[in-house]
Amino acid sequence: MPHPGKLDGELGVLISLAVSLGMVILTVAGWWLWNTFPGLMEAVTSVSSVEIP
């Protein structure tokens, strides 16, 4: 029977892996949207309150 603490460590690794993969997927999707709909992205960035020099 596995040690109970080992399962917690594996679960933490799986959660970390899922979060990392989600961030990669969101990055790729954002890049794709930015290149596919440049007019929409310009409108979104013009509404934002942060000014990029």
Protein backbone atom coordinates (compact mmCIF):
# COMPACT_ATOMS: atom_id res chain seq x y z
CA MET A 1 0.00 0.00 0.00
CA PRO A 2 1.46 3.42 -0.95
CA HIS A 3 2.37 5.92 1.69
CA PRO A 4 -0.44 8.56 2.13
CA GLY A 5 2.01 11.47 1.83
CA LYS A 6 3.18 10.26 -1.55
CA LEU A 7 -0.29 10.61 -3.02
CA ASP A 8 -0.45 14.26 -1.93
CA GLY A 9 2.84 14.95 -3.70
CA GLU A 10 1.66 13.30 -6.90
CA LEU A 11 -1.59 15.22 -6.78
CA GLY A 12 0.36 18.47 -6.42
CA VAL A 13 2.47 17.59 -9.45
CA LEU A 14 -0.63 16.78 -11.51
CA ILE A 15 -2.28 20.06 -10.53
CA SER A 16 0.88 21.96 -11.42
CA LEU A 17 1.05 20.18 -14.77
CA ALA A 18 -2.60 20.97 -15.51
CA VAL A 19 -2.10 24.66 -14.65
CA SER A 20 1.02 24.85 -16.82
CA LEU A 21 -0.71 23.23 -19.78
CA GLY A 22 -3.68 25.56 -19.34
CA MET A 23 -1.40 28.59 -19.43
CA VAL A 24 0.26 27.32 -22.62
CA ILE A 25 -3.14 26.73 -24.23
CA LEU A 26 -4.34 30.23 -23.25
CA THR A 27 -1.14 31.77 -24.61
CA VAL A 28 -1.48 29.98 -27.95
CA ALA A 29 -5.18 30.86 -28.18
CA GLY A 30 -4.46 34.52 -27.41
CA TRP A 31 -1.67 34.68 -29.99
CA TRP A 32 -3.95 33.06 -32.56
CA LEU A 33 -6.77 35.53 -31.82
CA TRP A 34 -4.34 38.45 -31.97
CA ASN A 35 -3.20 37.41 -35.46
CA THR A 36 -6.62 36.34 -36.72
CA PHE A 37 -8.64 39.37 -35.61
CA PRO A 38 -6.26 42.35 -35.56
CA GLY A 39 -9.11 44.91 -35.68
CA LEU A 40 -10.79 43.39 -32.64
CA MET A 41 -7.54 43.31 -30.69
CA GLU A 42 -6.82 46.97 -31.49
CA ALA A 43 -10.26 47.88 -30.14
CA VAL A 44 -9.63 45.89 -26.96
CA THR A 45 -6.24 47.48 -26.37
CA SER A 46 -7.55 50.99 -27.05
CA VAL A 47 -10.19 50.55 -24.33
CA SER A 48 -7.67 49.42 -21.71
CA SER A 49 -6.50 51.99 -19.19
CA VAL A 50 -2.84 50.94 -19.40
CA GLU A 51 -0.83 52.95 -21.88
CA ILE A 52 2.05 51.12 -23.55
CA PRO A 53 4.83 53.45 -24.65
